[in-house]
């Protein structure tokens, strides 16, 4: 999941990113959060609201949160 989030950050924000990168430090803002969320939703089996990107701005933290969300969705929780 780290790879997916880092790739999306890099593509949308057009800068290099790592799992430790902060969406905000890379130049992210609310409108770009919509684009990141849309692309993550295209790549994952869940809908990703932009709020999740804003609330979990560090790529690795967002990846962990998304992995948990996917697991909950798949288990029906």
C-alpha atoms as a PDB file:
ATOM      1  CA  UNK A   1       0.000   0.000   0.000  1.00  0.00           C
ATOM      2  CA  UNK A   2       2.955   2.350   0.652  1.00  0.00           C
ATOM      3  CA  UNK A   3       3.969   2.036  -2.985  1.00  0.00           C
ATOM      4  CA  UNK A   4       0.489   2.924  -4.223  1.00  0.00           C
ATOM      5  CA  UNK A   5       0.211   6.026  -2.041  1.00  0.00           C
ATOM      6  CA  UNK A   6       3.741   7.221  -2.861  1.00  0.00           C
ATOM      7  CA  UNK A   7       3.121   6.730  -6.596  1.00  0.00           C
ATOM      8  CA  UNK A   8      -0.127   8.699  -6.401  1.00  0.00           C
ATOM      9  CA  UNK A   9       1.512  11.510  -4.409  1.00  0.00           C
ATOM     10  CA  UNK A  10       4.302  11.696  -6.996  1.00  0.00           C
ATOM     11  CA  UNK A  11       1.947  11.688  -9.950  1.00  0.00           C
ATOM     12  CA  UNK A  12      -0.529  14.240  -8.613  1.00  0.00           C
ATOM     13  CA  UNK A  13       1.949  16.529  -6.849  1.00  0.00           C
ATOM     14  CA  UNK A  14       4.655  16.121  -9.520  1.00  0.00           C
ATOM     15  CA  UNK A  15       7.482  15.779  -6.978  1.00  0.00           C
ATOM     16  CA  UNK A  16       9.438  12.821  -5.559  1.00  0.00           C
ATOM     17  CA  UNK A  17       7.870  11.254  -2.466  1.00  0.00           C
ATOM     18  CA  UNK A  18       8.650   8.591   0.142  1.00  0.00           C
ATOM     19  CA  UNK A  19       6.493   6.899   2.788  1.00  0.00           C
ATOM     20  CA  UNK A  20       7.690   9.617   5.200  1.00  0.00           C
ATOM     21  CA  UNK A  21       6.574  12.458   2.894  1.00  0.00           C
ATOM     22  CA  UNK A  22       3.808  14.779   4.038  1.00  0.00           C
ATOM     23  CA  UNK A  23       1.135  15.717   1.532  1.00  0.00           C
ATOM     24  CA  UNK A  24       1.290  19.303   2.817  1.00  0.00           C
ATOM     25  CA  UNK A  25       5.100  19.560   2.712  1.00  0.00           C
ATOM     26  CA  UNK A  26       5.000  18.388  -0.918  1.00  0.00           C
ATOM     27  CA  UNK A  27       2.692  21.280  -1.820  1.00  0.00           C
ATOM     28  CA  UNK A  28      -0.643  19.564  -1.292  1.00  0.00           C
ATOM     29  CA  UNK A  29      -3.854  21.457  -0.584  1.00  0.00           C
ATOM     30  CA  UNK A  30      -7.577  20.697  -0.532  1.00  0.00           C
ATOM     31  CA  UNK A  31      -8.072  20.708  -4.299  1.00  0.00           C
ATOM     32  CA  UNK A  32      -5.119  18.362  -4.823  1.00  0.00           C
ATOM     33  CA  UNK A  33      -6.485  16.130  -2.045  1.00  0.00           C
ATOM     34  CA  UNK A  34      -9.530  15.572  -4.264  1.00  0.00           C
ATOM     35  CA  UNK A  35      -7.270  14.421  -7.109  1.00  0.00           C
ATOM     36  CA  UNK A  36      -5.222  12.165  -4.822  1.00  0.00           C
ATOM     37  CA  UNK A  37      -8.389  10.641  -3.348  1.00  0.00           C
ATOM     38  CA  UNK A  38      -9.880  10.067  -6.806  1.00  0.00           C
ATOM     39  CA  UNK A  39      -6.764   8.311  -8.061  1.00  0.00           C
ATOM     40  CA  UNK A  40      -6.458   6.207  -4.911  1.00  0.00           C
ATOM     41  CA  UNK A  41     -10.116   5.241  -5.307  1.00  0.00           C
ATOM     42  CA  UNK A  42      -9.405   4.179  -8.893  1.00  0.00           C
ATOM     43  CA  UNK A  43      -6.555   1.952  -7.729  1.00  0.00           C
ATOM     44  CA  UNK A  44      -8.191   0.479  -4.631  1.00  0.00           C
ATOM     45  CA  UNK A  45     -11.400  -1.506  -4.060  1.00  0.00           C
ATOM     46  CA  UNK A  46     -12.837   1.266  -1.856  1.00  0.00           C
ATOM     47  CA  UNK A  47     -13.999   4.857  -2.227  1.00  0.00           C
ATOM     48  CA  UNK A  48     -11.443   7.256  -0.760  1.00  0.00           C
ATOM     49  CA  UNK A  49     -12.850  10.575   0.492  1.00  0.00           C
ATOM     50  CA  UNK A  50     -10.487  13.580   0.228  1.00  0.00           C
ATOM     51  CA  UNK A  51     -10.828  14.063   3.992  1.00  0.00           C
ATOM     52  CA  UNK A  52      -8.769  10.906   4.531  1.00  0.00           C
ATOM     53  CA  UNK A  53      -5.861  12.461   2.628  1.00  0.00           C
ATOM     54  CA  UNK A  54      -6.130  15.643   4.691  1.00  0.00           C
ATOM     55  CA  UNK A  55      -6.433  13.788   8.019  1.00  0.00           C
ATOM     56  CA  UNK A  56      -3.573  11.357   7.248  1.00  0.00           C
ATOM     57  CA  UNK A  57      -1.126  13.542   5.287  1.00  0.00           C
ATOM     58  CA  UNK A  58       2.008  11.400   5.736  1.00  0.00           C
ATOM     59  CA  UNK A  59       2.124   8.864   2.902  1.00  0.00           C
ATOM     60  CA  UNK A  60       2.963   5.892   5.134  1.00  0.00           C
ATOM     61  CA  UNK A  61       0.257   6.791   7.649  1.00  0.00           C
ATOM     62  CA  UNK A  62      -2.297   7.165   4.867  1.00  0.00           C
ATOM     63  CA  UNK A  63      -1.191   3.816   3.429  1.00  0.00           C
ATOM     64  CA  UNK A  64      -1.708   2.091   6.797  1.00  0.00           C
ATOM     65  CA  UNK A  65      -5.110   3.736   7.222  1.00  0.00           C
ATOM     66  CA  UNK A  66      -6.147   2.690   3.696  1.00  0.00           C
ATOM     67  CA  UNK A  67      -4.936  -0.877   4.234  1.00  0.00           C
ATOM     68  CA  UNK A  68      -7.130  -1.067   7.341  1.00  0.00           C
ATOM     69  CA  UNK A  69     -10.074   0.447   5.442  1.00  0.00           C
ATOM     70  CA  UNK A  70      -9.710  -2.096   2.630  1.00  0.00           C
ATOM     71  CA  UNK A  71      -9.503  -4.935   5.153  1.00  0.00           C
ATOM     72  CA  UNK A  72     -12.624  -3.701   6.977  1.00  0.00           C
ATOM     73  CA  UNK A  73     -14.480  -3.362   3.679  1.00  0.00           C
ATOM     74  CA  UNK A  74     -13.518  -6.852   2.534  1.00  0.00           C
ATOM     75  CA  UNK A  75     -14.515  -8.396   5.866  1.00  0.00           C
ATOM     76  CA  UNK A  76     -17.811  -6.519   5.906  1.00  0.00           C
ATOM     77  CA  UNK A  77     -17.061  -4.593   9.102  1.00  0.00           C
END
